[in-house]
Amino acid sequence: VRRLHDIGRSGWWLLIQVVPIVGALILLWWYVQPGNE
């Protein structure tokens, strides 16, 4: 959740992983993005 906050997204976006495959890939993409300056 704190990692999602670092890129300016709500922690509720973790629920996107209930979407098979695509949800996990989207989260992975967000996790590797640099945080907001």
Full PDB file with SEQRES, HELIX, SHEET, SSBOND, CRYST1, ORIGX, SCALE, CONECT and MASTER records, all heavy atoms in Angstrom:
SEQRES   1 A   37  VAL ARG ARG LEU HIS ASP ILE GLY ARG SER GLY TRP TRP          
SEQRES   2 A   37  LEU LEU ILE GLN VAL VAL PRO ILE VAL GLY ALA LEU ILE          
SEQRES   3 A   37  LEU LEU TRP TRP TYR VAL GLN PRO GLY ASN GLU                  
HELIX    1 AA1 ARG A    2  ASP A    6  1                                   5    
HELIX    2 AA2 GLY A   11  VAL A   18  5                                   8    
HELIX    3 AA3 VAL A   22  VAL A   32  1                                  11    
CRYST1    1.000    1.000    1.000  90.00  90.00  90.00 P 1           1          
ORIGX1      1.000000  0.000000  0.000000        0.00000                         
ORIGX2      0.000000  1.000000  0.000000        0.00000                         
ORIGX3      0.000000  0.000000  1.000000        0.00000                         
SCALE1      1.000000  0.000000  0.000000        0.00000                         
SCALE2      0.000000  1.000000  0.000000        0.00000                         
SCALE3      0.000000  0.000000  1.000000        0.00000                         
ATOM      1  N   VAL A   1       0.844  -1.204   0.000  1.00  0.00           N  
ATOM      2  CA  VAL A   1       0.000   0.000   0.000  1.00  0.00           C  
ATOM      3  C   VAL A   1       0.878   1.253   0.000  1.00  0.00           C  
ATOM      4  O   VAL A   1       0.636   2.197  -0.770  1.00  0.00           O  
ATOM      5  CB  VAL A   1      -0.957  -0.005   1.210  1.00  0.00           C  
ATOM      6  CG1 VAL A   1      -1.611   1.348   1.409  1.00  0.00           C  
ATOM      7  CG2 VAL A   1      -2.015  -1.087   1.036  1.00  0.00           C  
ATOM      8  N   ARG A   2       1.909   1.265   0.838  1.00  0.00           N  
ATOM      9  CA  ARG A   2       2.793   2.433   0.873  1.00  0.00           C  
ATOM     10  C   ARG A   2       3.528   2.625  -0.445  1.00  0.00           C  
ATOM     11  O   ARG A   2       3.789   3.750  -0.874  1.00  0.00           O  
ATOM     12  CB  ARG A   2       3.791   2.315   2.039  1.00  0.00           C  
ATOM     13  CG  ARG A   2       3.133   2.431   3.399  1.00  0.00           C  
ATOM     14  CD  ARG A   2       4.133   2.657   4.528  1.00  0.00           C  
ATOM     15  NE  ARG A   2       5.266   1.765   4.514  1.00  0.00           N  
ATOM     16  CZ  ARG A   2       5.322   0.596   5.145  1.00  0.00           C  
ATOM     17  NH1 ARG A   2       4.279   0.175   5.829  1.00  0.00           N  
ATOM     18  NH2 ARG A   2       6.420  -0.140   5.091  1.00  0.00           N  
ATOM     19  N   ARG A   3       3.850   1.528  -1.128  1.00  0.00           N  
ATOM     20  CA  ARG A   3       4.504   1.641  -2.449  1.00  0.00           C  
ATOM     21  C   ARG A   3       3.554   2.275  -3.452  1.00  0.00           C  
ATOM     22  O   ARG A   3       3.958   3.111  -4.259  1.00  0.00           O  
ATOM     23  CB  ARG A   3       4.964   0.252  -2.931  1.00  0.00           C  
ATOM     24  CG  ARG A   3       5.587   0.257  -4.287  1.00  0.00           C  
ATOM     25  CD  ARG A   3       6.909   1.022  -4.298  1.00  0.00           C  
ATOM     26  NE  ARG A   3       7.304   1.288  -5.671  1.00  0.00           N  
ATOM     27  CZ  ARG A   3       7.597   2.481  -6.139  1.00  0.00           C  
ATOM     28  NH1 ARG A   3       7.609   3.527  -5.360  1.00  0.00           N  
ATOM     29  NH2 ARG A   3       7.911   2.642  -7.393  1.00  0.00           N  
ATOM     30  N   LEU A   4       2.287   1.886  -3.415  1.00  0.00           N  
ATOM     31  CA  LEU A   4       1.304   2.517  -4.302  1.00  0.00           C  
ATOM     32  C   LEU A   4       1.159   4.000  -3.967  1.00  0.00           C  
ATOM     33  O   LEU A   4       1.003   4.830  -4.866  1.00  0.00           O  
ATOM     34  CB  LEU A   4      -0.040   1.802  -4.212  1.00  0.00           C  
ATOM     35  CG  LEU A   4      -0.095   0.422  -4.868  1.00  0.00           C  
ATOM     36  CD1 LEU A   4      -1.423  -0.255  -4.571  1.00  0.00           C  
ATOM     37  CD2 LEU A   4       0.123   0.522  -6.366  1.00  0.00           C  
ATOM     38  N   HIS A   5       1.212   4.342  -2.681  1.00  0.00           N  
ATOM     39  CA  HIS A   5       1.160   5.753  -2.293  1.00  0.00           C  
ATOM     40  C   HIS A   5       2.333   6.529  -2.880  1.00  0.00           C  
ATOM     41  O   HIS A   5       2.191   7.702  -3.231  1.00  0.00           O  
ATOM     42  CB  HIS A   5       1.184   5.885  -0.774  1.00  0.00           C  
ATOM     43  CG  HIS A   5      -0.093   5.478  -0.106  1.00  0.00           C  
ATOM     44  ND1 HIS A   5      -0.213   5.429   1.258  1.00  0.00           N  
ATOM     45  CD2 HIS A   5      -1.292   5.097  -0.597  1.00  0.00           C  
ATOM     46  CE1 HIS A   5      -1.433   5.046   1.574  1.00  0.00           C  
ATOM     47  NE2 HIS A   5      -2.110   4.828   0.465  1.00  0.00           N  
ATOM     48  N   ASP A   6       3.489   5.889  -2.978  1.00  0.00           N  
ATOM     49  CA  ASP A   6       4.678   6.568  -3.499  1.00  0.00           C  
ATOM     50  C   ASP A   6       4.517   6.972  -4.960  1.00  0.00           C  
ATOM     51  O   ASP A   6       5.134   7.931  -5.405  1.00  0.00           O  
ATOM     52  CB  ASP A   6       5.899   5.658  -3.340  1.00  0.00           C  
ATOM     53  CG  ASP A   6       7.207   6.391  -3.570  1.00  0.00           C  
ATOM     54  OD1 ASP A   6       7.330   7.537  -3.088  1.00  0.00           O  
ATOM     55  OD2 ASP A   6       8.094   5.822  -4.225  1.00  0.00           O  
ATOM     56  N   ILE A   7       3.694   6.245  -5.706  1.00  0.00           N  
ATOM     57  CA  ILE A   7       3.472   6.623  -7.103  1.00  0.00           C  
ATOM     58  C   ILE A   7       2.163   7.393  -7.271  1.00  0.00           C  
ATOM     59  O   ILE A   7       1.692   7.606  -8.393  1.00  0.00           O  
ATOM     60  CB  ILE A   7       3.502   5.397  -8.046  1.00  0.00           C  
ATOM     61  CG1 ILE A   7       2.405   4.399  -7.714  1.00  0.00           C  
ATOM     62  CG2 ILE A   7       4.861   4.758  -8.047  1.00  0.00           C  
ATOM     63  CD1 ILE A   7       2.202   3.331  -8.756  1.00  0.00           C  
ATOM     64  N   GLY A   8       1.558   7.801  -6.136  1.00  0.00           N  
ATOM     65  CA  GLY A   8       0.371   8.649  -6.188  1.00  0.00           C  
ATOM     66  C   GLY A   8      -0.928   7.891  -6.360  1.00  0.00           C  
ATOM     67  O   GLY A   8      -1.929   8.464  -6.783  1.00  0.00           O  
ATOM     68  N   ARG A   9      -0.959   6.617  -6.034  1.00  0.00           N  
ATOM     69  CA  ARG A   9      -2.184   5.814  -6.164  1.00  0.00           C  
ATOM     70  C   ARG A   9      -2.685   5.396  -4.794  1.00  0.00           C  
ATOM     71  O   ARG A   9      -1.917   5.217  -3.862  1.00  0.00           O  
ATOM     72  CB  ARG A   9      -1.935   4.578  -7.008  1.00  0.00           C  
ATOM     73  CG  ARG A   9      -1.504   4.911  -8.414  1.00  0.00           C  
ATOM     74  CD  ARG A   9      -1.755   3.765  -9.351  1.00  0.00           C  
ATOM     75  NE  ARG A   9      -1.391   4.127 -10.697  1.00  0.00           N  
ATOM     76  CZ  ARG A   9      -2.196   4.729 -11.563  1.00  0.00           C  
ATOM     77  NH1 ARG A   9      -3.416   5.037 -11.213  1.00  0.00           N  
ATOM     78  NH2 ARG A   9      -1.785   5.024 -12.773  1.00  0.00           N  
ATOM     79  N   SER A  10      -3.972   5.202  -4.707  1.00  0.00           N  
ATOM     80  CA  SER A  10      -4.588   4.740  -3.478  1.00  0.00           C  
ATOM     81  C   SER A  10      -4.235   3.275  -3.226  1.00  0.00           C  
ATOM     82  O   SER A  10      -4.044   2.493  -4.163  1.00  0.00           O  
ATOM     83  CB  SER A  10      -6.111   4.892  -3.587  1.00  0.00           C  
ATOM     84  OG  SER A  10      -6.747   4.201  -2.537  1.00  0.00           O  
ATOM     85  N   GLY A  11      -4.182   2.891  -1.965  1.00  0.00           N  
ATOM     86  CA  GLY A  11      -3.926   1.505  -1.614  1.00  0.00           C  
ATOM     87  C   GLY A  11      -5.029   0.565  -2.074  1.00  0.00           C  
ATOM     88  O   GLY A  11      -4.824  -0.646  -2.208  1.00  0.00           O  
ATOM     89  N   TRP A  12      -6.203   1.112  -2.315  1.00  0.00           N  
ATOM     90  CA  TRP A  12      -7.323   0.287  -2.785  1.00  0.00           C  
ATOM     91  C   TRP A  12      -7.037  -0.326  -4.155  1.00  0.00           C  
ATOM     92  O   TRP A  12      -7.684  -1.288  -4.562  1.00  0.00           O  
ATOM     93  CB  TRP A  12      -8.617   1.099  -2.826  1.00  0.00           C  
ATOM     94  CG  TRP A  12      -9.141   1.379  -1.447  1.00  0.00           C  
ATOM     95  CD1 TRP A  12      -9.066   2.554  -0.765  1.00  0.00           C  
ATOM     96  CD2 TRP A  12      -9.784   0.445  -0.577  1.00  0.00           C  
ATOM     97  NE1 TRP A  12      -9.630   2.418   0.469  1.00  0.00           N  
ATOM     98  CE2 TRP A  12     -10.085   1.127   0.603  1.00  0.00           C  
ATOM     99  CE3 TRP A  12     -10.136  -0.899  -0.682  1.00  0.00           C  
ATOM    100  CZ2 TRP A  12     -10.721   0.515   1.682  1.00  0.00           C  
ATOM    101  CZ3 TRP A  12     -10.775  -1.499   0.384  1.00  0.00           C  
ATOM    102  CH2 TRP A  12     -11.057  -0.797   1.547  1.00  0.00           C  
ATOM    103  N   TRP A  13      -6.051   0.212  -4.874  1.00  0.00           N  
ATOM    104  CA  TRP A  13      -5.685  -0.364  -6.167  1.00  0.00           C  
ATOM    105  C   TRP A  13      -5.139  -1.789  -6.035  1.00  0.00           C  
ATOM    106  O   TRP A  13      -5.044  -2.514  -7.019  1.00  0.00           O  
ATOM    107  CB  TRP A  13      -4.675   0.520  -6.895  1.00  0.00           C  
ATOM    108  CG  TRP A  13      -5.326   1.644  -7.641  1.00  0.00           C  
ATOM    109  CD1 TRP A  13      -5.354   2.961  -7.287  1.00  0.00           C  
ATOM    110  CD2 TRP A  13      -6.058   1.543  -8.860  1.00  0.00           C  
ATOM    111  NE1 TRP A  13      -6.057   3.676  -8.221  1.00  0.00           N  
ATOM    112  CE2 TRP A  13      -6.500   2.827  -9.199  1.00  0.00           C  
ATOM    113  CE3 TRP A  13      -6.383   0.488  -9.705  1.00  0.00           C  
ATOM    114  CZ2 TRP A  13      -7.244   3.089 -10.340  1.00  0.00           C  
ATOM    115  CZ3 TRP A  13      -7.121   0.748 -10.843  1.00  0.00           C  
ATOM    116  CH2 TRP A  13      -7.544   2.025 -11.143  1.00  0.00           C  
ATOM    117  N   LEU A  14      -4.785  -2.198  -4.824  1.00  0.00           N  
ATOM    118  CA  LEU A  14      -4.344  -3.585  -4.630  1.00  0.00           C  
ATOM    119  C   LEU A  14      -5.435  -4.576  -5.028  1.00  0.00           C  
ATOM    120  O   LEU A  14      -5.151  -5.710  -5.399  1.00  0.00           O  
ATOM    121  CB  LEU A  14      -3.966  -3.834  -3.169  1.00  0.00           C  
ATOM    122  CG  LEU A  14      -2.584  -3.414  -2.746  1.00  0.00           C  
ATOM    123  CD1 LEU A  14      -2.389  -3.674  -1.269  1.00  0.00           C  
ATOM    124  CD2 LEU A  14      -1.529  -4.140  -3.537  1.00  0.00           C  
ATOM    125  N   LEU A  15      -6.672  -4.138  -4.945  1.00  0.00           N  
ATOM    126  CA  LEU A  15      -7.784  -5.026  -5.299  1.00  0.00           C  
ATOM    127  C   LEU A  15      -7.820  -5.358  -6.783  1.00  0.00           C  
ATOM    128  O   LEU A  15      -8.548  -6.266  -7.187  1.00  0.00           O  
ATOM    129  CB  LEU A  15      -9.117  -4.405  -4.871  1.00  0.00           C  
ATOM    130  CG  LEU A  15      -9.292  -4.252  -3.361  1.00  0.00           C  
ATOM    131  CD1 LEU A  15     -10.595  -3.528  -3.054  1.00  0.00           C  
ATOM    132  CD2 LEU A  15      -9.245  -5.601  -2.674  1.00  0.00           C  
ATOM    133  N   ILE A  16      -7.024  -4.674  -7.587  1.00  0.00           N  
ATOM    134  CA  ILE A  16      -6.994  -4.970  -9.020  1.00  0.00           C  
ATOM    135  C   ILE A  16      -6.444  -6.370  -9.272  1.00  0.00           C  
ATOM    136  O   ILE A  16      -6.678  -6.959 -10.330  1.00  0.00           O  
ATOM    137  CB  ILE A  16      -6.198  -3.906  -9.802  1.00  0.00           C  
ATOM    138  CG1 ILE A  16      -6.568  -3.956 -11.280  1.00  0.00           C  
ATOM    139  CG2 ILE A  16      -4.718  -4.067  -9.588  1.00  0.00           C  
ATOM    140  CD1 ILE A  16      -6.046  -2.804 -12.086  1.00  0.00           C  
ATOM    141  N   GLN A  17      -5.756  -6.939  -8.289  1.00  0.00           N  
ATOM    142  CA  GLN A  17      -5.213  -8.277  -8.503  1.00  0.00           C  
ATOM    143  C   GLN A  17      -6.282  -9.363  -8.546  1.00  0.00           C  
ATOM    144  O   GLN A  17      -5.975 -10.494  -8.897  1.00  0.00           O  
ATOM    145  CB  GLN A  17      -4.120  -8.644  -7.508  1.00  0.00           C  
ATOM    146  CG  GLN A  17      -4.248  -8.235  -6.155  1.00  0.00           C  
ATOM    147  CD  GLN A  17      -3.011  -8.488  -5.318  1.00  0.00           C  
ATOM    148  OE1 GLN A  17      -2.128  -9.265  -5.635  1.00  0.00           O  
ATOM    149  NE2 GLN A  17      -2.980  -7.828  -4.208  1.00  0.00           N  
ATOM    150  N   VAL A  18      -7.525  -9.022  -8.256  1.00  0.00           N  
ATOM    151  CA  VAL A  18      -8.583 -10.033  -8.415  1.00  0.00           C  
ATOM    152  C   VAL A  18      -8.875 -10.280  -9.893  1.00  0.00           C  
ATOM    153  O   VAL A  18      -9.496 -11.288 -10.234  1.00  0.00           O  
ATOM    154  CB  VAL A  18      -9.880  -9.669  -7.657  1.00  0.00           C  
ATOM    155  CG1 VAL A  18      -9.625  -9.551  -6.175  1.00  0.00           C  
ATOM    156  CG2 VAL A  18     -10.519  -8.423  -8.210  1.00  0.00           C  
ATOM    157  N   VAL A  19      -8.435  -9.385 -10.758  1.00  0.00           N  
ATOM    158  CA  VAL A  19      -8.554  -9.598 -12.199  1.00  0.00           C  
ATOM    159  C   VAL A  19      -7.422 -10.540 -12.603  1.00  0.00           C  
ATOM    160  O   VAL A  19      -6.250 -10.196 -12.456  1.00  0.00           O  
ATOM    161  CB  VAL A  19      -8.443  -8.275 -12.985  1.00  0.00           C  
ATOM    162  CG1 VAL A  19      -8.515  -8.520 -14.474  1.00  0.00           C  
ATOM    163  CG2 VAL A  19      -9.517  -7.301 -12.534  1.00  0.00           C  
ATOM    164  N   PRO A  20      -7.736 -11.732 -13.081  1.00  0.00           N  
ATOM    165  CA  PRO A  20      -6.688 -12.717 -13.369  1.00  0.00           C  
ATOM    166  C   PRO A  20      -5.640 -12.187 -14.356  1.00  0.00           C  
ATOM    167  O   PRO A  20      -5.969 -11.533 -15.343  1.00  0.00           O  
ATOM    168  CB  PRO A  20      -7.450 -13.889 -13.988  1.00  0.00           C  
ATOM    169  CG  PRO A  20      -8.855 -13.720 -13.532  1.00  0.00           C  
ATOM    170  CD  PRO A  20      -9.071 -12.246 -13.370  1.00  0.00           C  
ATOM    171  N   ILE A  21      -4.422 -12.442 -14.082  1.00  0.00           N  
ATOM    172  CA  ILE A  21      -3.227 -12.145 -14.859  1.00  0.00           C  
ATOM    173  C   ILE A  21      -3.046 -10.648 -15.097  1.00  0.00           C  
ATOM    174  O   ILE A  21      -2.026 -10.080 -14.719  1.00  0.00           O  
ATOM    175  CB  ILE A  21      -3.189 -12.937 -16.187  1.00  0.00           C  
ATOM    176  CG1 ILE A  21      -3.208 -14.429 -15.892  1.00  0.00           C  
ATOM    177  CG2 ILE A  21      -1.957 -12.569 -17.004  1.00  0.00           C  
ATOM    178  CD1 ILE A  21      -3.400 -15.309 -17.107  1.00  0.00           C  
ATOM    179  N   VAL A  22      -4.010  -9.994 -15.706  1.00  0.00           N  
ATOM    180  CA  VAL A  22      -3.884  -8.575 -16.047  1.00  0.00           C  
ATOM    181  C   VAL A  22      -3.696  -7.728 -14.791  1.00  0.00           C  
ATOM    182  O   VAL A  22      -2.862  -6.822 -14.764  1.00  0.00           O  
ATOM    183  CB  VAL A  22      -5.110  -8.100 -16.859  1.00  0.00           C  
ATOM    184  CG1 VAL A  22      -5.066  -6.612 -17.099  1.00  0.00           C  
ATOM    185  CG2 VAL A  22      -5.204  -8.874 -18.151  1.00  0.00           C  
ATOM    186  N   GLY A  23      -4.453  -8.026 -13.747  1.00  0.00           N  
ATOM    187  CA  GLY A  23      -4.343  -7.256 -12.509  1.00  0.00           C  
ATOM    188  C   GLY A  23      -2.962  -7.348 -11.903  1.00  0.00           C  
ATOM    189  O   GLY A  23      -2.377  -6.346 -11.485  1.00  0.00           O  
ATOM    190  N   ALA A  24      -2.406  -8.534 -11.864  1.00  0.00           N  
ATOM    191  CA  ALA A  24      -1.060  -8.717 -11.313  1.00  0.00           C  
ATOM    192  C   ALA A  24      -0.007  -8.019 -12.175  1.00  0.00           C  
ATOM    193  O   ALA A  24       0.949  -7.442 -11.652  1.00  0.00           O  
ATOM    194  CB  ALA A  24      -0.741 -10.198 -11.194  1.00  0.00           C  
ATOM    195  N   LEU A  25      -0.183  -8.056 -13.488  1.00  0.00           N  
ATOM    196  CA  LEU A  25       0.769  -7.389 -14.379  1.00  0.00           C  
ATOM    197  C   LEU A  25       0.717  -5.879 -14.211  1.00  0.00           C  
ATOM    198  O   LEU A  25       1.761  -5.211 -14.237  1.00  0.00           O  
ATOM    199  CB  LEU A  25       0.495  -7.786 -15.829  1.00  0.00           C  
ATOM    200  CG  LEU A  25       0.837  -9.226 -16.195  1.00  0.00           C  
ATOM    201  CD1 LEU A  25       0.392  -9.535 -17.629  1.00  0.00           C  
ATOM    202  CD2 LEU A  25       2.318  -9.484 -16.019  1.00  0.00           C  
ATOM    203  N   ILE A  26      -0.478  -5.331 -14.036  1.00  0.00           N  
ATOM    204  CA  ILE A  26      -0.611  -3.886 -13.815  1.00  0.00           C  
ATOM    205  C   ILE A  26       0.073  -3.492 -12.510  1.00  0.00           C  
ATOM    206  O   ILE A  26       0.823  -2.511 -12.460  1.00  0.00           O  
ATOM    207  CB  ILE A  26      -2.092  -3.464 -13.819  1.00  0.00           C  
ATOM    208  CG1 ILE A  26      -2.662  -3.589 -15.227  1.00  0.00           C  
ATOM    209  CG2 ILE A  26      -2.268  -2.044 -13.288  1.00  0.00           C  
ATOM    210  CD1 ILE A  26      -4.159  -3.409 -15.324  1.00  0.00           C  
ATOM    211  N   LEU A  27      -0.159  -4.267 -11.437  1.00  0.00           N  
ATOM    212  CA  LEU A  27       0.500  -3.977 -10.159  1.00  0.00           C  
ATOM    213  C   LEU A  27       2.013  -4.066 -10.284  1.00  0.00           C  
ATOM    214  O   LEU A  27       2.739  -3.207  -9.761  1.00  0.00           O  
ATOM    215  CB  LEU A  27       0.018  -4.950  -9.086  1.00  0.00           C  
ATOM    216  CG  LEU A  27      -1.225  -4.541  -8.307  1.00  0.00           C  
ATOM    217  CD1 LEU A  27      -1.601  -5.611  -7.307  1.00  0.00           C  
ATOM    218  CD2 LEU A  27      -1.052  -3.207  -7.634  1.00  0.00           C  
ATOM    219  N   LEU A  28       2.492  -5.076 -10.965  1.00  0.00           N  
ATOM    220  CA  LEU A  28       3.930  -5.220 -11.168  1.00  0.00           C  
ATOM    221  C   LEU A  28       4.492  -3.997 -11.899  1.00  0.00           C  
ATOM    222  O   LEU A  28       5.534  -3.463 -11.525  1.00  0.00           O  
ATOM    223  CB  LEU A  28       4.234  -6.503 -11.944  1.00  0.00           C  
ATOM    224  CG  LEU A  28       5.695  -6.781 -12.245  1.00  0.00           C  
ATOM    225  CD1 LEU A  28       6.482  -6.961 -10.956  1.00  0.00           C  
ATOM    226  CD2 LEU A  28       5.835  -7.993 -13.134  1.00  0.00           C  
ATOM    227  N   TRP A  29       3.783  -3.546 -12.917  1.00  0.00           N  
ATOM    228  CA  TRP A  29       4.208  -2.361 -13.671  1.00  0.00           C  
ATOM    229  C   TRP A  29       4.289  -1.144 -12.744  1.00  0.00           C  
ATOM    230  O   TRP A  29       5.240  -0.370 -12.787  1.00  0.00           O  
ATOM    231  CB  TRP A  29       3.268  -2.101 -14.837  1.00  0.00           C  
ATOM    232  CG  TRP A  29       3.565  -0.838 -15.564  1.00  0.00           C  
ATOM    233  CD1 TRP A  29       2.834   0.308 -15.559  1.00  0.00           C  
ATOM    234  CD2 TRP A  29       4.697  -0.571 -16.398  1.00  0.00           C  
ATOM    235  NE1 TRP A  29       3.440   1.263 -16.329  1.00  0.00           N  
ATOM    236  CE2 TRP A  29       4.592   0.750 -16.856  1.00  0.00           C  
ATOM    237  CE3 TRP A  29       5.794  -1.325 -16.790  1.00  0.00           C  
ATOM    238  CZ2 TRP A  29       5.527   1.327 -17.686  1.00  0.00           C  
ATOM    239  CZ3 TRP A  29       6.734  -0.737 -17.619  1.00  0.00           C  
ATOM    240  CH2 TRP A  29       6.593   0.573 -18.060  1.00  0.00           C  
ATOM    241  N   TRP A  30       3.280  -0.961 -11.896  1.00  0.00           N  
ATOM    242  CA  TRP A  30       3.283   0.168 -10.973  1.00  0.00           C  
ATOM    243  C   TRP A  30       4.406   0.048  -9.951  1.00  0.00           C  
ATOM    244  O   TRP A  30       5.019   1.041  -9.576  1.00  0.00           O  
ATOM    245  CB  TRP A  30       1.941   0.292 -10.258  1.00  0.00           C  
ATOM    246  CG  TRP A  30       0.851   0.803 -11.147  1.00  0.00           C  
ATOM    247  CD1 TRP A  30       0.987   1.484 -12.309  1.00  0.00           C  
ATOM    248  CD2 TRP A  30      -0.552   0.667 -10.941  1.00  0.00           C  
ATOM    249  NE1 TRP A  30      -0.250   1.774 -12.842  1.00  0.00           N  
ATOM    250  CE2 TRP A  30      -1.210   1.291 -12.018  1.00  0.00           C  
ATOM    251  CE3 TRP A  30      -1.321   0.076  -9.955  1.00  0.00           C  
ATOM    252  CZ2 TRP A  30      -2.578   1.353 -12.133  1.00  0.00           C  
ATOM    253  CZ3 TRP A  30      -2.701   0.140 -10.064  1.00  0.00           C  
ATOM    254  CH2 TRP A  30      -3.319   0.770 -11.141  1.00  0.00           C  
ATOM    255  N   TYR A  31       4.685  -1.173  -9.476  1.00  0.00           N  
ATOM    256  CA  TYR A  31       5.724  -1.363  -8.475  1.00  0.00           C  
ATOM    257  C   TYR A  31       7.109  -1.009  -9.003  1.00  0.00           C  
ATOM    258  O   TYR A  31       7.974  -0.619  -8.227  1.00  0.00           O  
ATOM    259  CB  TYR A  31       5.736  -2.801  -7.972  1.00  0.00           C  
ATOM    260  CG  TYR A  31       4.571  -3.176  -7.080  1.00  0.00           C  
ATOM    261  CD1 TYR A  31       4.223  -4.506  -6.917  1.00  0.00           C  
ATOM    262  CD2 TYR A  31       3.825  -2.232  -6.401  1.00  0.00           C  
ATOM    263  CE1 TYR A  31       3.164  -4.884  -6.106  1.00  0.00           C  
ATOM    264  CE2 TYR A  31       2.770  -2.587  -5.591  1.00  0.00           C  
ATOM    265  CZ  TYR A  31       2.443  -3.913  -5.440  1.00  0.00           C  
ATOM    266  OH  TYR A  31       1.401  -4.282  -4.631  1.00  0.00           O  
ATOM    267  N   VAL A  32       7.352  -1.156 -10.285  1.00  0.00           N  
ATOM    268  CA  VAL A  32       8.681  -0.855 -10.829  1.00  0.00           C  
ATOM    269  C   VAL A  32       8.816   0.595 -11.283  1.00  0.00           C  
ATOM    270  O   VAL A  32       9.914   1.013 -11.650  1.00  0.00           O  
ATOM    271  CB  VAL A  32       9.065  -1.819 -11.985  1.00  0.00           C  
ATOM    272  CG1 VAL A  32       9.101  -3.245 -11.499  1.00  0.00           C  
ATOM    273  CG2 VAL A  32       8.173  -1.650 -13.184  1.00  0.00           C  
ATOM    274  N   GLN A  33       7.755   1.364 -11.250  1.00  0.00           N  
ATOM    275  CA  GLN A  33       7.805   2.766 -11.644  1.00  0.00           C  
ATOM    276  C   GLN A  33       8.474   3.596 -10.558  1.00  0.00           C  
ATOM    277  O   GLN A  33       8.341   3.308  -9.371  1.00  0.00           O  
ATOM    278  CB  GLN A  33       6.392   3.316 -11.881  1.00  0.00           C  
ATOM    279  CG  GLN A  33       5.646   2.667 -13.016  1.00  0.00           C  
ATOM    280  CD  GLN A  33       6.418   2.746 -14.318  1.00  0.00           C  
ATOM    281  OE1 GLN A  33       6.789   3.821 -14.749  1.00  0.00           O  
ATOM    282  NE2 GLN A  33       6.652   1.601 -14.922  1.00  0.00           N  
ATOM    283  N   PRO A  34       9.209   4.642 -10.956  1.00  0.00           N  
ATOM    284  CA  PRO A  34       9.804   5.515  -9.936  1.00  0.00           C  
ATOM    285  C   PRO A  34       8.711   6.280  -9.193  1.00  0.00           C  
ATOM    286  O   PRO A  34       7.644   6.560  -9.744  1.00  0.00           O  
ATOM    287  CB  PRO A  34      10.684   6.465 -10.745  1.00  0.00           C  
ATOM    288  CG  PRO A  34      10.205   6.375 -12.143  1.00  0.00           C  
ATOM    289  CD  PRO A  34       9.548   5.039 -12.307  1.00  0.00           C  
ATOM    290  N   GLY A  35       8.984   6.590  -7.942  1.00  0.00           N  
ATOM    291  CA  GLY A  35       8.029   7.337  -7.132  1.00  0.00           C  
ATOM    292  C   GLY A  35       7.905   8.776  -7.584  1.00  0.00           C  
ATOM    293  O   GLY A  35       8.755   9.300  -8.309  1.00  0.00           O  
ATOM    294  N   ASN A  36       6.841   9.427  -7.142  1.00  0.00           N  
ATOM    295  CA  ASN A  36       6.640  10.844  -7.449  1.00  0.00           C  
ATOM    296  C   ASN A  36       7.724  11.669  -6.766  1.00  0.00           C  
ATOM    297  O   ASN A  36       8.046  11.445  -5.608  1.00  0.00           O  
ATOM    298  CB  ASN A  36       5.275  11.318  -6.957  1.00  0.00           C  
ATOM    299  CG  ASN A  36       4.140  10.680  -7.712  1.00  0.00           C  
ATOM    300  OD1 ASN A  36       4.330  10.064  -8.748  1.00  0.00           O  
ATOM    301  ND2 ASN A  36       2.939  10.824  -7.185  1.00  0.00           N  
ATOM    302  N   GLU A  37       8.284  12.616  -7.490  1.00  0.00           N  
ATOM    303  CA  GLU A  37       9.260  13.528  -6.905  1.00  0.00           C  
ATOM    304  C   GLU A  37       8.521  14.497  -5.988  1.00  0.00           C  
ATOM    305  O   GLU A  37       7.474  15.011  -6.328  1.00  0.00           O  
ATOM    306  CB  GLU A  37       9.984  14.307  -8.007  1.00  0.00           C  
ATOM    307  CG  GLU A  37      10.874  13.450  -8.880  1.00  0.00           C  
ATOM    308  CD  GLU A  37      12.053  12.872  -8.126  1.00  0.00           C  
ATOM    309  OE1 GLU A  37      12.603  13.571  -7.247  1.00  0.00           O  
ATOM    310  OE2 GLU A  37      12.405  11.720  -8.394  1.00  0.00           O  
TER     311      GLU A  37                                                      
MASTER        0    0    0    3    0    0    0    6  310    1    0    3          
END                                                                             
